[in-house]
Amino acid sequence: MLIIPCPDCGARDYTEFRYGGDANRARPPHGGGSLQDWHDHVFVFDNPKGPHHEYWQHVMGCREWLVVERNTASNTLISVRRARDARAGR
């Protein structure tokens, strides 16, 4: 079982969250990009082994978007921070 420590709500089971994709990939611009760009962004992705940054949303709690660094080989968490703080460089 994966427990995610939400900065607002505390430690919660992963079933309260929704996986939001790779946090390292740049999203095509809103209202722009070709259909192929959007297709590739949503459906074509790597499945890395080891440390990886991912977006998760706490849908059953505060609804905050988080950037979770997780080791995909061992399914252990390395770090968790708010996505808005990650974008701001904090």
PDB file of N, CA and C in Angstrom:
ATOM      1  N   MET A   1       0.850  -1.171   0.000  1.00  0.00           N
ATOM      2  CA  MET A   1       0.000   0.000   0.000  1.00  0.00           C
ATOM      3  C   MET A   1       0.898   1.237   0.000  1.00  0.00           C
ATOM      4  N   LEU A   2       0.513   2.237  -0.758  1.00  0.00           N
ATOM      5  CA  LEU A   2       1.252   3.489  -0.851  1.00  0.00           C
ATOM      6  C   LEU A   2       0.541   4.544  -0.014  1.00  0.00           C
ATOM      7  N   ILE A   3       1.256   5.150   0.896  1.00  0.00           N
ATOM      8  CA  ILE A   3       0.740   6.242   1.717  1.00  0.00           C
ATOM      9  C   ILE A   3       1.389   7.523   1.224  1.00  0.00           C
ATOM     10  N   ILE A   4       0.581   8.496   0.852  1.00  0.00           N
ATOM     11  CA  ILE A   4       1.084   9.774   0.350  1.00  0.00           C
ATOM     12  C   ILE A   4       0.871  10.834   1.418  1.00  0.00           C
ATOM     13  N   PRO A   5       1.947  11.501   1.869  1.00  0.00           N
ATOM     14  CA  PRO A   5       1.807  12.555   2.878  1.00  0.00           C
ATOM     15  C   PRO A   5       1.381  13.880   2.233  1.00  0.00           C
ATOM     16  N   CYS A   6       0.097  14.171   2.264  1.00  0.00           N
ATOM     17  CA  CYS A   6      -0.419  15.420   1.707  1.00  0.00           C
ATOM     18  C   CYS A   6       0.033  16.577   2.606  1.00  0.00           C
ATOM     19  N   PRO A   7       0.589  17.657   2.036  1.00  0.00           N
ATOM     20  CA  PRO A   7       1.022  18.788   2.857  1.00  0.00           C
ATOM     21  C   PRO A   7      -0.117  19.443   3.644  1.00  0.00           C
ATOM     22  N   ASP A   8      -1.356  19.325   3.156  1.00  0.00           N
ATOM     23  CA  ASP A   8      -2.498  19.954   3.824  1.00  0.00           C
ATOM     24  C   ASP A   8      -3.253  18.997   4.745  1.00  0.00           C
ATOM     25  N   CYS A   9      -3.393  17.735   4.340  1.00  0.00           N
ATOM     26  CA  CYS A   9      -4.262  16.796   5.047  1.00  0.00           C
ATOM     27  C   CYS A   9      -3.516  15.738   5.851  1.00  0.00           C
ATOM     28  N   GLY A  10      -2.218  15.637   5.674  1.00  0.00           N
ATOM     29  CA  GLY A  10      -1.452  14.603   6.360  1.00  0.00           C
ATOM     30  C   GLY A  10      -1.375  13.328   5.534  1.00  0.00           C
ATOM     31  N   ALA A  11      -0.864  12.272   6.138  1.00  0.00           N
ATOM     32  CA  ALA A  11      -0.662  10.997   5.445  1.00  0.00           C
ATOM     33  C   ALA A  11      -2.006  10.361   5.089  1.00  0.00           C
ATOM     34  N   ARG A  12      -2.152   9.994   3.813  1.00  0.00           N
ATOM     35  CA  ARG A  12      -3.390   9.394   3.312  1.00  0.00           C
ATOM     36  C   ARG A  12      -3.076   8.241   2.375  1.00  0.00           C
ATOM     37  N   ASP A  13      -3.993   7.309   2.269  1.00  0.00           N
ATOM     38  CA  ASP A  13      -3.865   6.184   1.357  1.00  0.00           C
ATOM     39  C   ASP A  13      -3.914   6.689  -0.083  1.00  0.00           C
ATOM     40  N   TYR A  14      -3.175   6.030  -0.965  1.00  0.00           N
ATOM     41  CA  TYR A  14      -3.110   6.459  -2.360  1.00  0.00           C
ATOM     42  C   TYR A  14      -4.469   6.441  -3.055  1.00  0.00           C
ATOM     43  N   THR A  15      -5.447   5.683  -2.535  1.00  0.00           N
ATOM     44  CA  THR A  15      -6.759   5.609  -3.171  1.00  0.00           C
ATOM     45  C   THR A  15      -7.517   6.933  -3.079  1.00  0.00           C
ATOM     46  N   GLU A  16      -7.065   7.857  -2.230  1.00  0.00           N
ATOM     47  CA  GLU A  16      -7.673   9.188  -2.150  1.00  0.00           C
ATOM     48  C   GLU A  16      -7.149  10.116  -3.245  1.00  0.00           C
ATOM     49  N   PHE A  17      -6.146   9.661  -3.997  1.00  0.00           N
ATOM     50  CA  PHE A  17      -5.482  10.494  -4.992  1.00  0.00           C
ATOM     51  C   PHE A  17      -5.735   9.965  -6.396  1.00  0.00           C
ATOM     52  N   ARG A  18      -5.529  10.844  -7.374  1.00  0.00           N
ATOM     53  CA  ARG A  18      -5.609  10.456  -8.785  1.00  0.00           C
ATOM     54  C   ARG A  18      -4.280  10.773  -9.439  1.00  0.00           C
ATOM     55  N   TYR A  19      -3.722   9.787 -10.124  1.00  0.00           N
ATOM     56  CA  TYR A  19      -2.470   9.968 -10.848  1.00  0.00           C
ATOM     57  C   TYR A  19      -2.700  10.941 -11.998  1.00  0.00           C
ATOM     58  N   GLY A  20      -1.804  11.914 -12.151  1.00  0.00           N
ATOM     59  CA  GLY A  20      -1.986  12.933 -13.179  1.00  0.00           C
ATOM     60  C   GLY A  20      -0.935  12.949 -14.258  1.00  0.00           C
ATOM     61  N   GLY A  21      -0.012  11.999 -14.242  1.00  0.00           N
ATOM     62  CA  GLY A  21       0.968  11.924 -15.319  1.00  0.00           C
ATOM     63  C   GLY A  21       2.370  12.338 -14.900  1.00  0.00           C
ATOM     64  N   ASP A  22       3.234  12.341 -15.889  1.00  0.00           N
ATOM     65  CA  ASP A  22       4.657  12.636 -15.725  1.00  0.00           C
ATOM     66  C   ASP A  22       4.850  14.133 -15.473  1.00  0.00           C
ATOM     67  N   ALA A  23       5.484  14.478 -14.365  1.00  0.00           N
ATOM     68  CA  ALA A  23       5.698  15.890 -14.018  1.00  0.00           C
ATOM     69  C   ALA A  23       6.920  16.476 -14.711  1.00  0.00           C
ATOM     70  N   ASN A  24       7.658  15.657 -15.456  1.00  0.00           N
ATOM     71  CA  ASN A  24       8.844  16.154 -16.157  1.00  0.00           C
ATOM     72  C   ASN A  24       8.551  16.579 -17.591  1.00  0.00           C
ATOM     73  N   ARG A  25       7.405  16.202 -18.109  1.00  0.00           N
ATOM     74  CA  ARG A  25       7.074  16.497 -19.510  1.00  0.00           C
ATOM     75  C   ARG A  25       6.394  17.844 -19.646  1.00  0.00           C
ATOM     76  N   ALA A  26       6.781  18.583 -20.667  1.00  0.00           N
ATOM     77  CA  ALA A  26       6.152  19.867 -20.955  1.00  0.00           C
ATOM     78  C   ALA A  26       4.828  19.623 -21.683  1.00  0.00           C
ATOM     79  N   ARG A  27       3.789  20.274 -21.213  1.00  0.00           N
ATOM     80  CA  ARG A  27       2.463  20.148 -21.822  1.00  0.00           C
ATOM     81  C   ARG A  27       2.391  21.071 -23.029  1.00  0.00           C
ATOM     82  N   PRO A  28       1.725  20.660 -24.112  1.00  0.00           N
ATOM     83  CA  PRO A  28       1.545  21.574 -25.248  1.00  0.00           C
ATOM     84  C   PRO A  28       0.805  22.835 -24.783  1.00  0.00           C
ATOM     85  N   PRO A  29       1.030  23.964 -25.450  1.00  0.00           N
ATOM     86  CA  PRO A  29       0.385  25.207 -25.008  1.00  0.00           C
ATOM     87  C   PRO A  29      -1.137  25.119 -25.068  1.00  0.00           C
ATOM     88  N   HIS A  30      -1.788  25.722 -24.069  1.00  0.00           N
ATOM     89  CA  HIS A  30      -3.255  25.729 -24.024  1.00  0.00           C
ATOM     90  C   HIS A  30      -3.799  26.408 -25.277  1.00  0.00           C
ATOM     91  N   GLY A  31      -4.702  25.745 -25.967  1.00  0.00           N
ATOM     92  CA  GLY A  31      -5.282  26.286 -27.189  1.00  0.00           C
ATOM     93  C   GLY A  31      -4.361  26.160 -28.390  1.00  0.00           C
ATOM     94  N   GLY A  32      -3.245  25.487 -28.213  1.00  0.00           N
ATOM     95  CA  GLY A  32      -2.276  25.350 -29.303  1.00  0.00           C
ATOM     96  C   GLY A  32      -1.808  23.923 -29.418  1.00  0.00           C
ATOM     97  N   GLY A  33      -0.837  23.719 -30.249  1.00  0.00           N
ATOM     98  CA  GLY A  33      -0.315  22.375 -30.466  1.00  0.00           C
ATOM     99  C   GLY A  33      -1.208  21.614 -31.427  1.00  0.00           C
ATOM    100  N   SER A  34      -0.596  20.715 -32.156  1.00  0.00           N
ATOM    101  CA  SER A  34      -1.353  19.903 -33.111  1.00  0.00           C
ATOM    102  C   SER A  34      -2.048  18.758 -32.385  1.00  0.00           C
ATOM    103  N   LEU A  35      -2.956  18.094 -33.080  1.00  0.00           N
ATOM    104  CA  LEU A  35      -3.598  16.912 -32.511  1.00  0.00           C
ATOM    105  C   LEU A  35      -2.564  15.840 -32.192  1.00  0.00           C
ATOM    106  N   GLN A  36      -1.534  15.739 -33.034  1.00  0.00           N
ATOM    107  CA  GLN A  36      -0.475  14.759 -32.795  1.00  0.00           C
ATOM    108  C   GLN A  36       0.291  15.100 -31.513  1.00  0.00           C
ATOM    109  N   ASP A  37       0.560  16.395 -31.280  1.00  0.00           N
ATOM    110  CA  ASP A  37       1.239  16.817 -30.047  1.00  0.00           C
ATOM    111  C   ASP A  37       0.429  16.405 -28.819  1.00  0.00           C
ATOM    112  N   TRP A  38      -0.889  16.655 -28.864  1.00  0.00           N
ATOM    113  CA  TRP A  38      -1.741  16.318 -27.726  1.00  0.00           C
ATOM    114  C   TRP A  38      -1.872  14.806 -27.565  1.00  0.00           C
ATOM    115  N   HIS A  39      -2.005  14.099 -28.663  1.00  0.00           N
ATOM    116  CA  HIS A  39      -2.073  12.636 -28.606  1.00  0.00           C
ATOM    117  C   HIS A  39      -0.826  12.089 -27.927  1.00  0.00           C
ATOM    118  N   ASP A  40       0.336  12.544 -28.377  1.00  0.00           N
ATOM    119  CA  ASP A  40       1.593  12.052 -27.816  1.00  0.00           C
ATOM    120  C   ASP A  40       1.727  12.421 -26.343  1.00  0.00           C
ATOM    121  N   HIS A  41       1.287  13.615 -25.972  1.00  0.00           N
ATOM    122  CA  HIS A  41       1.390  14.039 -24.580  1.00  0.00           C
ATOM    123  C   HIS A  41       0.534  13.166 -23.660  1.00  0.00           C
ATOM    124  N   VAL A  42      -0.652  12.809 -24.110  1.00  0.00           N
ATOM    125  CA  VAL A  42      -1.583  12.049 -23.272  1.00  0.00           C
ATOM    126  C   VAL A  42      -1.308  10.539 -23.318  1.00  0.00           C
ATOM    127  N   PHE A  43      -1.003  10.010 -24.485  1.00  0.00           N
ATOM    128  CA  PHE A  43      -0.968   8.559 -24.641  1.00  0.00           C
ATOM    129  C   PHE A  43       0.412   7.936 -24.827  1.00  0.00           C
ATOM    130  N   VAL A  44       1.416   8.711 -25.208  1.00  0.00           N
ATOM    131  CA  VAL A  44       2.740   8.151 -25.460  1.00  0.00           C
ATOM    132  C   VAL A  44       3.676   8.624 -24.352  1.00  0.00           C
ATOM    133  N   PHE A  45       4.154   7.684 -23.553  1.00  0.00           N
ATOM    134  CA  PHE A  45       5.011   8.067 -22.438  1.00  0.00           C
ATOM    135  C   PHE A  45       5.949   6.926 -22.077  1.00  0.00           C
ATOM    136  N   ASP A  46       7.015   7.284 -21.389  1.00  0.00           N
ATOM    137  CA  ASP A  46       7.969   6.289 -20.907  1.00  0.00           C
ATOM    138  C   ASP A  46       7.450   5.689 -19.608  1.00  0.00           C
ATOM    139  N   ASN A  47       7.961   4.534 -19.280  1.00  0.00           N
ATOM    140  CA  ASN A  47       7.663   3.886 -18.013  1.00  0.00           C
ATOM    141  C   ASN A  47       9.005   3.627 -17.329  1.00  0.00           C
ATOM    142  N   PRO A  48       9.600   4.687 -16.741  1.00  0.00           N
ATOM    143  CA  PRO A  48      10.961   4.554 -16.224  1.00  0.00           C
ATOM    144  C   PRO A  48      11.037   3.678 -14.979  1.00  0.00           C
ATOM    145  N   LYS A  49      12.191   3.098 -14.780  1.00  0.00           N
ATOM    146  CA  LYS A  49      12.448   2.315 -13.579  1.00  0.00           C
ATOM    147  C   LYS A  49      13.394   3.140 -12.715  1.00  0.00           C
ATOM    148  N   GLY A  50      12.963   3.414 -11.486  1.00  0.00           N
ATOM    149  CA  GLY A  50      13.773   4.221 -10.574  1.00  0.00           C
ATOM    150  C   GLY A  50      13.057   5.508 -10.202  1.00  0.00           C
ATOM    151  N   PRO A  51      13.794   6.488  -9.675  1.00  0.00           N
ATOM    152  CA  PRO A  51      13.186   7.750  -9.242  1.00  0.00           C
ATOM    153  C   PRO A  51      12.509   8.489 -10.399  1.00  0.00           C
ATOM    154  N   HIS A  52      11.309   8.990 -10.119  1.00  0.00           N
ATOM    155  CA  HIS A  52      10.511   9.628 -11.173  1.00  0.00           C
ATOM    156  C   HIS A  52       9.567  10.643 -10.536  1.00  0.00           C
ATOM    157  N   HIS A  53       9.392  11.803 -11.185  1.00  0.00           N
ATOM    158  CA  HIS A  53       8.468  12.838 -10.700  1.00  0.00           C
ATOM    159  C   HIS A  53       7.106  12.658 -11.376  1.00  0.00           C
ATOM    160  N   GLU A  54       6.046  12.663 -10.558  1.00  0.00           N
ATOM    161  CA  GLU A  54       4.690  12.447 -11.061  1.00  0.00           C
ATOM    162  C   GLU A  54       3.735  13.469 -10.461  1.00  0.00           C
ATOM    163  N   TYR A  55       2.686  13.807 -11.223  1.00  0.00           N
ATOM    164  CA  TYR A  55       1.600  14.625 -10.690  1.00  0.00           C
ATOM    165  C   TYR A  55       0.559  13.700 -10.054  1.00  0.00           C
ATOM    166  N   TRP A  56       0.074  14.069  -8.871  1.00  0.00           N
ATOM    167  CA  TRP A  56      -1.035  13.390  -8.207  1.00  0.00           C
ATOM    168  C   TRP A  56      -1.960  14.470  -7.658  1.00  0.00           C
ATOM    169  N   GLN A  57      -3.275  14.253  -7.749  1.00  0.00           N
ATOM    170  CA  GLN A  57      -4.245  15.187  -7.176  1.00  0.00           C
ATOM    171  C   GLN A  57      -4.973  14.509  -6.021  1.00  0.00           C
ATOM    172  N   HIS A  58      -5.103  15.240  -4.918  1.00  0.00           N
ATOM    173  CA  HIS A  58      -5.798  14.707  -3.743  1.00  0.00           C
ATOM    174  C   HIS A  58      -7.303  14.940  -3.925  1.00  0.00           C
ATOM    175  N   VAL A  59      -7.936  14.094  -4.713  1.00  0.00           N
ATOM    176  CA  VAL A  59      -9.340  14.277  -5.082  1.00  0.00           C
ATOM    177  C   VAL A  59     -10.308  14.031  -3.932  1.00  0.00           C
ATOM    178  N   MET A  60      -9.935  13.210  -2.968  1.00  0.00           N
ATOM    179  CA  MET A  60     -10.829  12.915  -1.850  1.00  0.00           C
ATOM    180  C   MET A  60     -10.494  13.753  -0.612  1.00  0.00           C
ATOM    181  N   GLY A  61      -9.717  14.787  -0.824  1.00  0.00           N
ATOM    182  CA  GLY A  61      -9.324  15.652   0.292  1.00  0.00           C
ATOM    183  C   GLY A  61      -9.331  17.106  -0.138  1.00  0.00           C
ATOM    184  N   CYS A  62      -8.179  17.734  -0.062  1.00  0.00           N
ATOM    185  CA  CYS A  62      -8.055  19.178  -0.305  1.00  0.00           C
ATOM    186  C   CYS A  62      -8.060  19.554  -1.784  1.00  0.00           C
ATOM    187  N   ARG A  63      -7.993  18.570  -2.692  1.00  0.00           N
ATOM    188  CA  ARG A  63      -7.987  18.747  -4.144  1.00  0.00           C
ATOM    189  C   ARG A  63      -6.700  19.389  -4.667  1.00  0.00           C
ATOM    190  N   GLU A  64      -5.710  19.466  -3.825  1.00  0.00           N
ATOM    191  CA  GLU A  64      -4.412  20.043  -4.195  1.00  0.00           C
ATOM    192  C   GLU A  64      -3.678  19.125  -5.179  1.00  0.00           C
ATOM    193  N   TRP A  65      -2.997  19.731  -6.166  1.00  0.00           N
ATOM    194  CA  TRP A  65      -2.124  18.989  -7.067  1.00  0.00           C
ATOM    195  C   TRP A  65      -0.747  18.921  -6.426  1.00  0.00           C
ATOM    196  N   LEU A  66      -0.150  17.737  -6.458  1.00  0.00           N
ATOM    197  CA  LEU A  66       1.155  17.510  -5.844  1.00  0.00           C
ATOM    198  C   LEU A  66       2.133  16.978  -6.883  1.00  0.00           C
ATOM    199  N   VAL A  67       3.416  17.238  -6.647  1.00  0.00           N
ATOM    200  CA  VAL A  67       4.482  16.577  -7.398  1.00  0.00           C
ATOM    201  C   VAL A  67       5.092  15.567  -6.435  1.00  0.00           C
ATOM    202  N   VAL A  68       4.960  14.311  -6.786  1.00  0.00           N
ATOM    203  CA  VAL A  68       5.455  13.214  -5.956  1.00  0.00           C
ATOM    204  C   VAL A  68       6.668  12.616  -6.657  1.00  0.00           C
ATOM    205  N   GLU A  69       7.793  12.572  -5.956  1.00  0.00           N
ATOM    206  CA  GLU A  69       8.952  11.856  -6.481  1.00  0.00           C
ATOM    207  C   GLU A  69       8.889  10.452  -5.894  1.00  0.00           C
ATOM    208  N   ARG A  70       8.783   9.469  -6.782  1.00  0.00           N
ATOM    209  CA  ARG A  70       8.570   8.088  -6.363  1.00  0.00           C
ATOM    210  C   ARG A  70       9.553   7.181  -7.087  1.00  0.00           C
ATOM    211  N   ASN A  71      10.108   6.224  -6.372  1.00  0.00           N
ATOM    212  CA  ASN A  71      10.939   5.208  -6.993  1.00  0.00           C
ATOM    213  C   ASN A  71       9.996   4.138  -7.529  1.00  0.00           C
ATOM    214  N   THR A  72       9.909   4.041  -8.842  1.00  0.00           N
ATOM    215  CA  THR A  72       8.951   3.116  -9.449  1.00  0.00           C
ATOM    216  C   THR A  72       9.379   1.658  -9.310  1.00  0.00           C
ATOM    217  N   ALA A  73      10.648   1.412  -9.025  1.00  0.00           N
ATOM    218  CA  ALA A  73      11.119   0.031  -8.844  1.00  0.00           C
ATOM    219  C   ALA A  73      10.698  -0.521  -7.487  1.00  0.00           C
ATOM    220  N   SER A  74      10.756   0.327  -6.452  1.00  0.00           N
ATOM    221  CA  SER A  74      10.426  -0.137  -5.100  1.00  0.00           C
ATOM    222  C   SER A  74       9.096   0.416  -4.590  1.00  0.00           C
ATOM    223  N   ASN A  75       8.480   1.335  -5.353  1.00  0.00           N
ATOM    224  CA  ASN A  75       7.227   1.989  -4.983  1.00  0.00           C
ATOM    225  C   ASN A  75       7.336   2.734  -3.642  1.00  0.00           C
ATOM    226  N   THR A  76       8.494   3.342  -3.410  1.00  0.00           N
ATOM    227  CA  THR A  76       8.690   4.144  -2.207  1.00  0.00           C
ATOM    228  C   THR A  76       8.738   5.618  -2.583  1.00  0.00           C
ATOM    229  N   LEU A  77       8.222   6.464  -1.689  1.00  0.00           N
ATOM    230  CA  LEU A  77       8.212   7.900  -1.928  1.00  0.00           C
ATOM    231  C   LEU A  77       9.532   8.517  -1.493  1.00  0.00           C
ATOM    232  N   ILE A  78       9.997   9.462  -2.285  1.00  0.00           N
ATOM    233  CA  ILE A  78      11.224  10.187  -1.982  1.00  0.00           C
ATOM    234  C   ILE A  78      10.886  11.575  -1.467  1.00  0.00           C
ATOM    235  N   SER A  79       9.945  12.246  -2.152  1.00  0.00           N
ATOM    236  CA  SER A  79       9.517  13.575  -1.711  1.00  0.00           C
ATOM    237  C   SER A  79       8.117  13.868  -2.237  1.00  0.00           C
ATOM    238  N   VAL A  80       7.446  14.803  -1.555  1.00  0.00           N
ATOM    239  CA  VAL A  80       6.113  15.267  -1.964  1.00  0.00           C
ATOM    240  C   VAL A  80       6.078  16.764  -1.742  1.00  0.00           C
ATOM    241  N   ARG A  81       5.623  17.511  -2.756  1.00  0.00           N
ATOM    242  CA  ARG A  81       5.452  18.964  -2.606  1.00  0.00           C
ATOM    243  C   ARG A  81       4.292  19.428  -3.472  1.00  0.00           C
ATOM    244  N   ARG A  82       3.762  20.582  -3.131  1.00  0.00           N
ATOM    245  CA  ARG A  82       2.661  21.146  -3.916  1.00  0.00           C
ATOM    246  C   ARG A  82       3.168  21.481  -5.323  1.00  0.00           C
ATOM    247  N   ALA A  83       2.346  21.219  -6.316  1.00  0.00           N
ATOM    248  CA  ALA A  83       2.738  21.491  -7.699  1.00  0.00           C
ATOM    249  C   ALA A  83       2.968  22.979  -7.908  1.00  0.00           C
ATOM    250  N   ARG A  84       2.176  23.815  -7.282  1.00  0.00           N
ATOM    251  CA  ARG A  84       2.357  25.263  -7.462  1.00  0.00           C
ATOM    252  C   ARG A  84       3.695  25.724  -6.891  1.00  0.00           C
ATOM    253  N   ASP A  85       4.156  25.080  -5.800  1.00  0.00           N
ATOM    254  CA  ASP A  85       5.472  25.405  -5.245  1.00  0.00           C
ATOM    255  C   ASP A  85       6.590  24.881  -6.151  1.00  0.00           C
ATOM    256  N   ALA A  86       6.365  23.718  -6.744  1.00  0.00           N
ATOM    257  CA  ALA A  86       7.369  23.133  -7.636  1.00  0.00           C
ATOM    258  C   ALA A  86       7.569  24.011  -8.876  1.00  0.00           C
ATOM    259  N   ARG A  87       6.473  24.563  -9.406  1.00  0.00           N
ATOM    260  CA  ARG A  87       6.572  25.440 -10.567  1.00  0.00           C
ATOM    261  C   ARG A  87       7.267  26.745 -10.221  1.00  0.00           C
ATOM    262  N   ALA A  88       7.093  27.204  -8.998  1.00  0.00           N
ATOM    263  CA  ALA A  88       7.689  28.460  -8.573  1.00  0.00           C
ATOM    264  C   ALA A  88       9.148  28.273  -8.135  1.00  0.00           C
ATOM    265  N   GLY A  89       9.631  27.036  -8.158  1.00  0.00           N
ATOM    266  CA  GLY A  89      11.002  26.770  -7.777  1.00  0.00           C
ATOM    267  C   GLY A  89      11.238  26.662  -6.296  1.00  0.00           C
ATOM    268  N   ARG A  90      10.159  26.517  -5.514  1.00  0.00           N
ATOM    269  CA  ARG A  90      10.311  26.388  -4.055  1.00  0.00           C
ATOM    270  C   ARG A  90      10.412  24.953  -3.633  1.00  0.00           C
TER     271      ARG A  90
END
